[in-house]
Amino acid sequence: PVCLIWGRDDKITPPEVAVEFNEMLPNAELHWIDKCG
């Protein structure tokens, strides 16, 4: 199990990075935090 907790305004590892992690990790869940880097 992998939990991804990501800032929606992350400029260093931007949101598309989290989406890619979520798609490629077989047992992942992704949660967004707004107004967060």
PDB file of all heavy atoms in Angstrom:
ATOM      1  N   PRO A   1       0.820  -1.201   0.000  1.00  0.00           N
ATOM      2  CA  PRO A   1       0.000   0.000   0.000  1.00  0.00           C
ATOM      3  C   PRO A   1       0.865   1.268   0.000  1.00  0.00           C
ATOM      4  O   PRO A   1       1.843   1.362   0.749  1.00  0.00           O
ATOM      5  CB  PRO A   1      -0.795  -0.109   1.305  1.00  0.00           C
ATOM      6  CG  PRO A   1      -0.749  -1.548   1.680  1.00  0.00           C
ATOM      7  CD  PRO A   1       0.561  -2.059   1.180  1.00  0.00           C
ATOM      8  N   VAL A   2       0.509   2.206  -0.865  1.00  0.00           N
ATOM      9  CA  VAL A   2       1.217   3.488  -0.953  1.00  0.00           C
ATOM     10  C   VAL A   2       0.197   4.613  -0.881  1.00  0.00           C
ATOM     11  O   VAL A   2      -0.800   4.618  -1.608  1.00  0.00           O
ATOM     12  CB  VAL A   2       2.020   3.608  -2.266  1.00  0.00           C
ATOM     13  CG1 VAL A   2       2.752   4.956  -2.308  1.00  0.00           C
ATOM     14  CG2 VAL A   2       3.007   2.464  -2.419  1.00  0.00           C
ATOM     15  N   CYS A   3       0.448   5.564   0.000  1.00  0.00           N
ATOM     16  CA  CYS A   3      -0.394   6.751   0.122  1.00  0.00           C
ATOM     17  C   CYS A   3       0.381   7.960  -0.414  1.00  0.00           C
ATOM     18  O   CYS A   3       1.475   8.261   0.052  1.00  0.00           O
ATOM     19  CB  CYS A   3      -0.780   6.974   1.579  1.00  0.00           C
ATOM     20  SG  CYS A   3      -1.863   8.402   1.842  1.00  0.00           S
ATOM     21  N   LEU A   4      -0.188   8.626  -1.411  1.00  0.00           N
ATOM     22  CA  LEU A   4       0.397   9.840  -1.986  1.00  0.00           C
ATOM     23  C   LEU A   4      -0.382  11.032  -1.461  1.00  0.00           C
ATOM     24  O   LEU A   4      -1.596  11.131  -1.672  1.00  0.00           O
ATOM     25  CB  LEU A   4       0.316   9.787  -3.512  1.00  0.00           C
ATOM     26  CG  LEU A   4       0.963   8.573  -4.185  1.00  0.00           C
ATOM     27  CD1 LEU A   4       0.434   8.411  -5.609  1.00  0.00           C
ATOM     28  CD2 LEU A   4       2.471   8.705  -4.193  1.00  0.00           C
ATOM     29  N   ILE A   5       0.304  11.929  -0.755  1.00  0.00           N
ATOM     30  CA  ILE A   5      -0.335  13.154  -0.248  1.00  0.00           C
ATOM     31  C   ILE A   5       0.410  14.321  -0.882  1.00  0.00           C
ATOM     32  O   ILE A   5       1.593  14.525  -0.603  1.00  0.00           O
ATOM     33  CB  ILE A   5      -0.291  13.229   1.290  1.00  0.00           C
ATOM     34  CG1 ILE A   5      -0.856  11.944   1.913  1.00  0.00           C
ATOM     35  CG2 ILE A   5      -1.061  14.445   1.785  1.00  0.00           C
ATOM     36  CD1 ILE A   5      -0.753  11.880   3.436  1.00  0.00           C
ATOM     37  N   TRP A   6      -0.281  15.070  -1.730  1.00  0.00           N
ATOM     38  CA  TRP A   6       0.415  16.014  -2.611  1.00  0.00           C
ATOM     39  C   TRP A   6      -0.187  17.411  -2.554  1.00  0.00           C
ATOM     40  O   TRP A   6      -1.408  17.577  -2.528  1.00  0.00           O
ATOM     41  CB  TRP A   6       0.321  15.531  -4.053  1.00  0.00           C
ATOM     42  CG  TRP A   6       1.633  15.536  -4.777  1.00  0.00           C
ATOM     43  CD1 TRP A   6       2.117  16.518  -5.604  1.00  0.00           C
ATOM     44  CD2 TRP A   6       2.632  14.503  -4.758  1.00  0.00           C
ATOM     45  NE1 TRP A   6       3.348  16.152  -6.103  1.00  0.00           N
ATOM     46  CE2 TRP A   6       3.682  14.917  -5.596  1.00  0.00           C
ATOM     47  CE3 TRP A   6       2.732  13.271  -4.111  1.00  0.00           C
ATOM     48  CZ2 TRP A   6       4.827  14.143  -5.800  1.00  0.00           C
ATOM     49  CZ3 TRP A   6       3.857  12.504  -4.315  1.00  0.00           C
ATOM     50  CH2 TRP A   6       4.888  12.948  -5.154  1.00  0.00           C
ATOM     51  N   GLY A   7       0.693  18.402  -2.550  1.00  0.00           N
ATOM     52  CA  GLY A   7       0.250  19.785  -2.677  1.00  0.00           C
ATOM     53  C   GLY A   7      -0.167  20.072  -4.113  1.00  0.00           C
ATOM     54  O   GLY A   7       0.597  19.827  -5.043  1.00  0.00           O
ATOM     55  N   ARG A   8      -1.359  20.581  -4.294  1.00  0.00           N
ATOM     56  CA  ARG A   8      -1.845  20.833  -5.647  1.00  0.00           C
ATOM     57  C   ARG A   8      -1.071  21.961  -6.332  1.00  0.00           C
ATOM     58  O   ARG A   8      -1.113  22.110  -7.553  1.00  0.00           O
ATOM     59  CB  ARG A   8      -3.344  21.163  -5.615  1.00  0.00           C
ATOM     60  CG  ARG A   8      -4.044  20.864  -6.924  1.00  0.00           C
ATOM     61  CD  ARG A   8      -5.512  21.190  -6.858  1.00  0.00           C
ATOM     62  NE  ARG A   8      -6.302  20.215  -6.145  1.00  0.00           N
ATOM     63  CZ  ARG A   8      -6.773  19.085  -6.690  1.00  0.00           C
ATOM     64  NH1 ARG A   8      -6.488  18.785  -7.929  1.00  0.00           N
ATOM     65  NH2 ARG A   8      -7.519  18.269  -5.986  1.00  0.00           N
ATOM     66  N   ASP A   9      -0.340  22.743  -5.521  1.00  0.00           N
ATOM     67  CA  ASP A   9       0.438  23.851  -6.070  1.00  0.00           C
ATOM     68  C   ASP A   9       1.944  23.607  -5.938  1.00  0.00           C
ATOM     69  O   ASP A   9       2.729  24.552  -5.932  1.00  0.00           O
ATOM     70  CB  ASP A   9       0.043  25.152  -5.365  1.00  0.00           C
ATOM     71  CG  ASP A   9      -1.436  25.466  -5.536  1.00  0.00           C
ATOM     72  OD1 ASP A   9      -1.799  26.000  -6.591  1.00  0.00           O
ATOM     73  OD2 ASP A   9      -2.224  25.143  -4.626  1.00  0.00           O
ATOM     74  N   ASP A  10       2.327  22.343  -5.858  1.00  0.00           N
ATOM     75  CA  ASP A  10       3.740  21.972  -5.792  1.00  0.00           C
ATOM     76  C   ASP A  10       4.403  22.321  -7.126  1.00  0.00           C
ATOM     77  O   ASP A  10       4.019  21.812  -8.174  1.00  0.00           O
ATOM     78  CB  ASP A  10       3.845  20.465  -5.517  1.00  0.00           C
ATOM     79  CG  ASP A  10       5.269  19.985  -5.254  1.00  0.00           C
ATOM     80  OD1 ASP A  10       6.215  20.700  -5.631  1.00  0.00           O
ATOM     81  OD2 ASP A  10       5.416  18.893  -4.679  1.00  0.00           O
ATOM     82  N   LYS A  11       5.414  23.190  -7.082  1.00  0.00           N
ATOM     83  CA  LYS A  11       6.117  23.585  -8.307  1.00  0.00           C
ATOM     84  C   LYS A  11       7.397  22.773  -8.515  1.00  0.00           C
ATOM     85  O   LYS A  11       8.004  22.837  -9.575  1.00  0.00           O
ATOM     86  CB  LYS A  11       6.445  25.085  -8.256  1.00  0.00           C
ATOM     87  CG  LYS A  11       5.206  25.983  -8.251  1.00  0.00           C
ATOM     88  CD  LYS A  11       5.544  27.446  -8.409  1.00  0.00           C
ATOM     89  CE  LYS A  11       6.101  28.064  -7.136  1.00  0.00           C
ATOM     90  NZ  LYS A  11       5.080  28.254  -6.089  1.00  0.00           N
ATOM     91  N   ILE A  12       7.829  22.059  -7.491  1.00  0.00           N
ATOM     92  CA  ILE A  12       9.077  21.281  -7.582  1.00  0.00           C
ATOM     93  C   ILE A  12       8.800  19.871  -8.102  1.00  0.00           C
ATOM     94  O   ILE A  12       9.478  19.390  -9.021  1.00  0.00           O
ATOM     95  CB  ILE A  12       9.795  21.268  -6.217  1.00  0.00           C
ATOM     96  CG1 ILE A  12      10.258  22.698  -5.887  1.00  0.00           C
ATOM     97  CG2 ILE A  12      10.984  20.307  -6.239  1.00  0.00           C
ATOM     98  CD1 ILE A  12      10.849  22.869  -4.530  1.00  0.00           C
ATOM     99  N   THR A  13       7.831  19.184  -7.506  1.00  0.00           N
ATOM    100  CA  THR A  13       7.326  17.930  -8.074  1.00  0.00           C
ATOM    101  C   THR A  13       5.841  18.174  -8.378  1.00  0.00           C
ATOM    102  O   THR A  13       4.985  17.885  -7.549  1.00  0.00           O
ATOM    103  CB  THR A  13       7.511  16.746  -7.103  1.00  0.00           C
ATOM    104  OG1 THR A  13       7.043  17.128  -5.792  1.00  0.00           O
ATOM    105  CG2 THR A  13       8.965  16.345  -6.991  1.00  0.00           C
ATOM    106  N   PRO A  14       5.552  18.727  -9.547  1.00  0.00           N
ATOM    107  CA  PRO A  14       4.206  19.223  -9.841  1.00  0.00           C
ATOM    108  C   PRO A  14       3.139  18.132  -9.844  1.00  0.00           C
ATOM    109  O   PRO A  14       3.459  16.925  -9.808  1.00  0.00           O
ATOM    110  CB  PRO A  14       4.356  19.848 -11.230  1.00  0.00           C
ATOM    111  CG  PRO A  14       5.758  19.711 -11.643  1.00  0.00           C
ATOM    112  CD  PRO A  14       6.500  18.915 -10.632  1.00  0.00           C
ATOM    113  N   PRO A  15       1.855  18.525  -9.866  1.00  0.00           N
ATOM    114  CA  PRO A  15       0.758  17.565  -9.763  1.00  0.00           C
ATOM    115  C   PRO A  15       0.840  16.393 -10.747  1.00  0.00           C
ATOM    116  O   PRO A  15       0.480  15.267 -10.401  1.00  0.00           O
ATOM    117  CB  PRO A  15      -0.489  18.425 -10.042  1.00  0.00           C
ATOM    118  CG  PRO A  15      -0.104  19.779  -9.525  1.00  0.00           C
ATOM    119  CD  PRO A  15       1.354  19.928  -9.843  1.00  0.00           C
ATOM    120  N   GLU A  16       1.352  16.643 -11.966  1.00  0.00           N
ATOM    121  CA  GLU A  16       1.426  15.536 -12.930  1.00  0.00           C
ATOM    122  C   GLU A  16       2.362  14.419 -12.455  1.00  0.00           C
ATOM    123  O   GLU A  16       2.212  13.264 -12.844  1.00  0.00           O
ATOM    124  CB  GLU A  16       1.854  16.033 -14.314  1.00  0.00           C
ATOM    125  CG  GLU A  16       3.146  16.799 -14.362  1.00  0.00           C
ATOM    126  CD  GLU A  16       2.959  18.309 -14.282  1.00  0.00           C
ATOM    127  OE1 GLU A  16       1.982  18.764 -13.643  1.00  0.00           O
ATOM    128  OE2 GLU A  16       3.803  19.021 -14.850  1.00  0.00           O
ATOM    129  N   VAL A  17       3.322  14.767 -11.594  1.00  0.00           N
ATOM    130  CA  VAL A  17       4.205  13.751 -11.014  1.00  0.00           C
ATOM    131  C   VAL A  17       3.396  12.823 -10.102  1.00  0.00           C
ATOM    132  O   VAL A  17       3.524  11.594 -10.163  1.00  0.00           O
ATOM    133  CB  VAL A  17       5.363  14.404 -10.230  1.00  0.00           C
ATOM    134  CG1 VAL A  17       6.198  13.345  -9.516  1.00  0.00           C
ATOM    135  CG2 VAL A  17       6.242  15.225 -11.161  1.00  0.00           C
ATOM    136  N   ALA A  18       2.551  13.423  -9.273  1.00  0.00           N
ATOM    137  CA  ALA A  18       1.710  12.618  -8.374  1.00  0.00           C
ATOM    138  C   ALA A  18       0.765  11.730  -9.168  1.00  0.00           C
ATOM    139  O   ALA A  18       0.556  10.557  -8.817  1.00  0.00           O
ATOM    140  CB  ALA A  18       0.916  13.537  -7.447  1.00  0.00           C
ATOM    141  N   VAL A  19       0.201  12.260 -10.240  1.00  0.00           N
ATOM    142  CA  VAL A  19      -0.709  11.475 -11.082  1.00  0.00           C
ATOM    143  C   VAL A  19       0.026  10.283 -11.678  1.00  0.00           C
ATOM    144  O   VAL A  19      -0.492   9.157 -11.701  1.00  0.00           O
ATOM    145  CB  VAL A  19      -1.313  12.368 -12.190  1.00  0.00           C
ATOM    146  CG1 VAL A  19      -2.078  11.516 -13.201  1.00  0.00           C
ATOM    147  CG2 VAL A  19      -2.230  13.420 -11.586  1.00  0.00           C
ATOM    148  N   GLU A  20       1.259  10.514 -12.140  1.00  0.00           N
ATOM    149  CA  GLU A  20       2.042   9.425 -12.724  1.00  0.00           C
ATOM    150  C   GLU A  20       2.387   8.365 -11.675  1.00  0.00           C
ATOM    151  O   GLU A  20       2.291   7.168 -11.938  1.00  0.00           O
ATOM    152  CB  GLU A  20       3.312   9.980 -13.371  1.00  0.00           C
ATOM    153  CG  GLU A  20       4.031   8.970 -14.241  1.00  0.00           C
ATOM    154  CD  GLU A  20       5.120   9.580 -15.097  1.00  0.00           C
ATOM    155  OE1 GLU A  20       5.101  10.810 -15.318  1.00  0.00           O
ATOM    156  OE2 GLU A  20       6.004   8.823 -15.553  1.00  0.00           O
ATOM    157  N   PHE A  21       2.795   8.805 -10.483  1.00  0.00           N
ATOM    158  CA  PHE A  21       3.038   7.854  -9.393  1.00  0.00           C
ATOM    159  C   PHE A  21       1.780   7.009  -9.147  1.00  0.00           C
ATOM    160  O   PHE A  21       1.848   5.786  -9.016  1.00  0.00           O
ATOM    161  CB  PHE A  21       3.402   8.591  -8.099  1.00  0.00           C
ATOM    162  CG  PHE A  21       4.873   8.847  -7.908  1.00  0.00           C
ATOM    163  CD1 PHE A  21       5.338  10.134  -7.652  1.00  0.00           C
ATOM    164  CD2 PHE A  21       5.796   7.814  -7.950  1.00  0.00           C
ATOM    165  CE1 PHE A  21       6.698  10.385  -7.459  1.00  0.00           C
ATOM    166  CE2 PHE A  21       7.149   8.047  -7.760  1.00  0.00           C
ATOM    167  CZ  PHE A  21       7.602   9.339  -7.512  1.00  0.00           C
ATOM    168  N   ASN A  22       0.649   7.673  -9.080  1.00  0.00           N
ATOM    169  CA  ASN A  22      -0.608   6.996  -8.764  1.00  0.00           C
ATOM    170  C   ASN A  22      -0.983   5.978  -9.834  1.00  0.00           C
ATOM    171  O   ASN A  22      -1.506   4.902  -9.531  1.00  0.00           O
ATOM    172  CB  ASN A  22      -1.720   8.035  -8.616  1.00  0.00           C
ATOM    173  CG  ASN A  22      -2.985   7.453  -8.018  1.00  0.00           C
ATOM    174  OD1 ASN A  22      -2.941   6.736  -7.023  1.00  0.00           O
ATOM    175  ND2 ASN A  22      -4.117   7.759  -8.623  1.00  0.00           N
ATOM    176  N   GLU A  23      -0.692   6.306 -11.093  1.00  0.00           N
ATOM    177  CA  GLU A  23      -1.015   5.399 -12.192  1.00  0.00           C
ATOM    178  C   GLU A  23      -0.081   4.192 -12.235  1.00  0.00           C
ATOM    179  O   GLU A  23      -0.494   3.088 -12.609  1.00  0.00           O
ATOM    180  CB  GLU A  23      -0.948   6.153 -13.526  1.00  0.00           C
ATOM    181  CG  GLU A  23      -2.082   7.156 -13.713  1.00  0.00           C
ATOM    182  CD  GLU A  23      -1.892   8.015 -14.949  1.00  0.00           C
ATOM    183  OE1 GLU A  23      -0.786   7.979 -15.552  1.00  0.00           O
ATOM    184  OE2 GLU A  23      -2.834   8.747 -15.310  1.00  0.00           O
ATOM    185  N   MET A  24       1.179   4.391 -11.846  1.00  0.00           N
ATOM    186  CA  MET A  24       2.180   3.338 -12.020  1.00  0.00           C
ATOM    187  C   MET A  24       2.344   2.444 -10.798  1.00  0.00           C
ATOM    188  O   MET A  24       2.769   1.290 -10.926  1.00  0.00           O
ATOM    189  CB  MET A  24       3.525   3.966 -12.395  1.00  0.00           C
ATOM    190  CG  MET A  24       3.462   4.729 -13.707  1.00  0.00           C
ATOM    191  SD  MET A  24       5.061   5.352 -14.226  1.00  0.00           S
ATOM    192  CE  MET A  24       5.825   3.832 -14.766  1.00  0.00           C
ATOM    193  N   LEU A  25       2.031   2.960  -9.614  1.00  0.00           N
ATOM    194  CA  LEU A  25       2.112   2.134  -8.406  1.00  0.00           C
ATOM    195  C   LEU A  25       0.832   1.298  -8.298  1.00  0.00           C
ATOM    196  O   LEU A  25      -0.269   1.863  -8.281  1.00  0.00           O
ATOM    197  CB  LEU A  25       2.287   3.019  -7.176  1.00  0.00           C
ATOM    198  CG  LEU A  25       3.662   3.694  -7.035  1.00  0.00           C
ATOM    199  CD1 LEU A  25       3.579   4.891  -6.104  1.00  0.00           C
ATOM    200  CD2 LEU A  25       4.709   2.697  -6.537  1.00  0.00           C
ATOM    201  N   PRO A  26       0.933  -0.022  -8.231  1.00  0.00           N
ATOM    202  CA  PRO A  26      -0.250  -0.884  -8.312  1.00  0.00           C
ATOM    203  C   PRO A  26      -1.260  -0.705  -7.183  1.00  0.00           C
ATOM    204  O   PRO A  26      -2.448  -0.955  -7.375  1.00  0.00           O
ATOM    205  CB  PRO A  26       0.341  -2.307  -8.274  1.00  0.00           C
ATOM    206  CG  PRO A  26       1.754  -2.160  -8.696  1.00  0.00           C
ATOM    207  CD  PRO A  26       2.189  -0.802  -8.220  1.00  0.00           C
ATOM    208  N   ASN A  27      -0.789  -0.294  -6.003  1.00  0.00           N
ATOM    209  CA  ASN A  27      -1.672  -0.270  -4.834  1.00  0.00           C
ATOM    210  C   ASN A  27      -1.601   1.103  -4.161  1.00  0.00           C
ATOM    211  O   ASN A  27      -1.350   1.214  -2.965  1.00  0.00           O
ATOM    212  CB  ASN A  27      -1.263  -1.385  -3.859  1.00  0.00           C
ATOM    213  CG  ASN A  27      -2.285  -1.609  -2.769  1.00  0.00           C
ATOM    214  OD1 ASN A  27      -3.407  -1.111  -2.830  1.00  0.00           O
ATOM    215  ND2 ASN A  27      -1.892  -2.359  -1.756  1.00  0.00           N
ATOM    216  N   ALA A  28      -1.819   2.150  -4.978  1.00  0.00           N
ATOM    217  CA  ALA A  28      -1.659   3.521  -4.477  1.00  0.00           C
ATOM    218  C   ALA A  28      -2.995   4.244  -4.356  1.00  0.00           C
ATOM    219  O   ALA A  28      -3.974   3.913  -5.033  1.00  0.00           O
ATOM    220  CB  ALA A  28      -0.741   4.313  -5.408  1.00  0.00           C
ATOM    221  N   GLU A  29      -3.008   5.214  -3.475  1.00  0.00           N
ATOM    222  CA  GLU A  29      -4.132   6.153  -3.395  1.00  0.00           C
ATOM    223  C   GLU A  29      -3.557   7.563  -3.331  1.00  0.00           C
ATOM    224  O   GLU A  29      -2.509   7.786  -2.729  1.00  0.00           O
ATOM    225  CB  GLU A  29      -5.006   5.862  -2.175  1.00  0.00           C
ATOM    226  CG  GLU A  29      -4.280   5.906  -0.833  1.00  0.00           C
ATOM    227  CD  GLU A  29      -5.205   5.539   0.328  1.00  0.00           C
ATOM    228  OE1 GLU A  29      -5.643   4.378   0.391  1.00  0.00           O
ATOM    229  OE2 GLU A  29      -5.474   6.427   1.159  1.00  0.00           O
ATOM    230  N   LEU A  30      -4.229   8.505  -3.985  1.00  0.00           N
ATOM    231  CA  LEU A  30      -3.723   9.875  -4.116  1.00  0.00           C
ATOM    232  C   LEU A  30      -4.676  10.857  -3.466  1.00  0.00           C
ATOM    233  O   LEU A  30      -5.885  10.834  -3.728  1.00  0.00           O
ATOM    234  CB  LEU A  30      -3.534  10.213  -5.599  1.00  0.00           C
ATOM    235  CG  LEU A  30      -3.182  11.655  -5.963  1.00  0.00           C
ATOM    236  CD1 LEU A  30      -1.901  12.119  -5.280  1.00  0.00           C
ATOM    237  CD2 LEU A  30      -3.075  11.811  -7.478  1.00  0.00           C
ATOM    238  N   HIS A  31      -4.112  11.733  -2.620  1.00  0.00           N
ATOM    239  CA  HIS A  31      -4.897  12.766  -1.951  1.00  0.00           C
ATOM    240  C   HIS A  31      -4.266  14.131  -2.221  1.00  0.00           C
ATOM    241  O   HIS A  31      -3.049  14.299  -2.077  1.00  0.00           O
ATOM    242  CB  HIS A  31      -4.950  12.498  -0.441  1.00  0.00           C
ATOM    243  CG  HIS A  31      -5.495  11.141  -0.099  1.00  0.00           C
ATOM    244  ND1 HIS A  31      -6.838  10.860  -0.138  1.00  0.00           N
ATOM    245  CD2 HIS A  31      -4.860   9.988   0.244  1.00  0.00           C
ATOM    246  CE1 HIS A  31      -7.020   9.584   0.197  1.00  0.00           C
ATOM    247  NE2 HIS A  31      -5.838   9.045   0.426  1.00  0.00           N
ATOM    248  N   TRP A  32      -5.107  15.088  -2.585  1.00  0.00           N
ATOM    249  CA  TRP A  32      -4.637  16.437  -2.899  1.00  0.00           C
ATOM    250  C   TRP A  32      -4.880  17.383  -1.731  1.00  0.00           C
ATOM    251  O   TRP A  32      -5.892  17.285  -1.040  1.00  0.00           O
ATOM    252  CB  TRP A  32      -5.366  16.988  -4.114  1.00  0.00           C
ATOM    253  CG  TRP A  32      -5.134  16.242  -5.381  1.00  0.00           C
ATOM    254  CD1 TRP A  32      -6.017  15.409  -6.029  1.00  0.00           C
ATOM    255  CD2 TRP A  32      -3.947  16.248  -6.171  1.00  0.00           C
ATOM    256  NE1 TRP A  32      -5.452  14.900  -7.165  1.00  0.00           N
ATOM    257  CE2 TRP A  32      -4.192  15.400  -7.288  1.00  0.00           C
ATOM    258  CE3 TRP A  32      -2.713  16.883  -6.057  1.00  0.00           C
ATOM    259  CZ2 TRP A  32      -3.226  15.179  -8.271  1.00  0.00           C
ATOM    260  CZ3 TRP A  32      -1.761  16.661  -7.042  1.00  0.00           C
ATOM    261  CH2 TRP A  32      -2.020  15.825  -8.131  1.00  0.00           C
ATOM    262  N   ILE A  33      -3.956  18.307  -1.540  1.00  0.00           N
ATOM    263  CA  ILE A  33      -4.145  19.392  -0.579  1.00  0.00           C
ATOM    264  C   ILE A  33      -4.060  20.703  -1.351  1.00  0.00           C
ATOM    265  O   ILE A  33      -3.037  21.010  -1.973  1.00  0.00           O
ATOM    266  CB  ILE A  33      -3.103  19.351   0.559  1.00  0.00           C
ATOM    267  CG1 ILE A  33      -3.218  18.026   1.327  1.00  0.00           C
ATOM    268  CG2 ILE A  33      -3.287  20.538   1.492  1.00  0.00           C
ATOM    269  CD1 ILE A  33      -2.248  17.883   2.485  1.00  0.00           C
ATOM    270  N   ASP A  34      -5.141  21.456  -1.338  1.00  0.00           N
ATOM    271  CA  ASP A  34      -5.198  22.717  -2.074  1.00  0.00           C
ATOM    272  C   ASP A  34      -4.356  23.795  -1.397  1.00  0.00           C
ATOM    273  O   ASP A  34      -4.116  23.757  -0.184  1.00  0.00           O
ATOM    274  CB  ASP A  34      -6.648  23.207  -2.182  1.00  0.00           C
ATOM    275  CG  ASP A  34      -7.486  22.303  -3.076  1.00  0.00           C
ATOM    276  OD1 ASP A  34      -6.925  21.726  -4.028  1.00  0.00           O
ATOM    277  OD2 ASP A  34      -8.703  22.185  -2.812  1.00  0.00           O
ATOM    278  N   LYS A  35      -3.925  24.765  -2.208  1.00  0.00           N
ATOM    279  CA  LYS A  35      -3.124  25.896  -1.720  1.00  0.00           C
ATOM    280  C   LYS A  35      -1.930  25.392  -0.907  1.00  0.00           C
ATOM    281  O   LYS A  35      -1.693  25.819   0.225  1.00  0.00           O
ATOM    282  CB  LYS A  35      -3.987  26.850  -0.891  1.00  0.00           C
ATOM    283  CG  LYS A  35      -5.111  27.492  -1.702  1.00  0.00           C
ATOM    284  CD  LYS A  35      -5.904  28.483  -0.888  1.00  0.00           C
ATOM    285  CE  LYS A  35      -6.986  29.129  -1.745  1.00  0.00           C
ATOM    286  NZ  LYS A  35      -7.812  30.090  -0.982  1.00  0.00           N
ATOM    287  N   CYS A  36      -1.199  24.481  -1.499  1.00  0.00           N
ATOM    288  CA  CYS A  36      -0.106  23.818  -0.791  1.00  0.00           C
ATOM    289  C   CYS A  36       0.995  23.474  -1.776  1.00  0.00           C
ATOM    290  O   CYS A  36       0.725  23.033  -2.903  1.00  0.00           O
ATOM    291  CB  CYS A  36      -0.640  22.546  -0.124  1.00  0.00           C
ATOM    292  SG  CYS A  36       0.607  21.636   0.816  1.00  0.00           S
ATOM    293  N   GLY A  37       2.244  23.659  -1.366  1.00  0.00           N
ATOM    294  CA  GLY A  37       3.393  23.421  -2.207  1.00  0.00           C
ATOM    295  C   GLY A  37       4.051  22.073  -1.967  1.00  0.00           C
ATOM    296  O   GLY A  37       3.386  21.050  -1.798  1.00  0.00           O
TER     297      GLY A  37
END
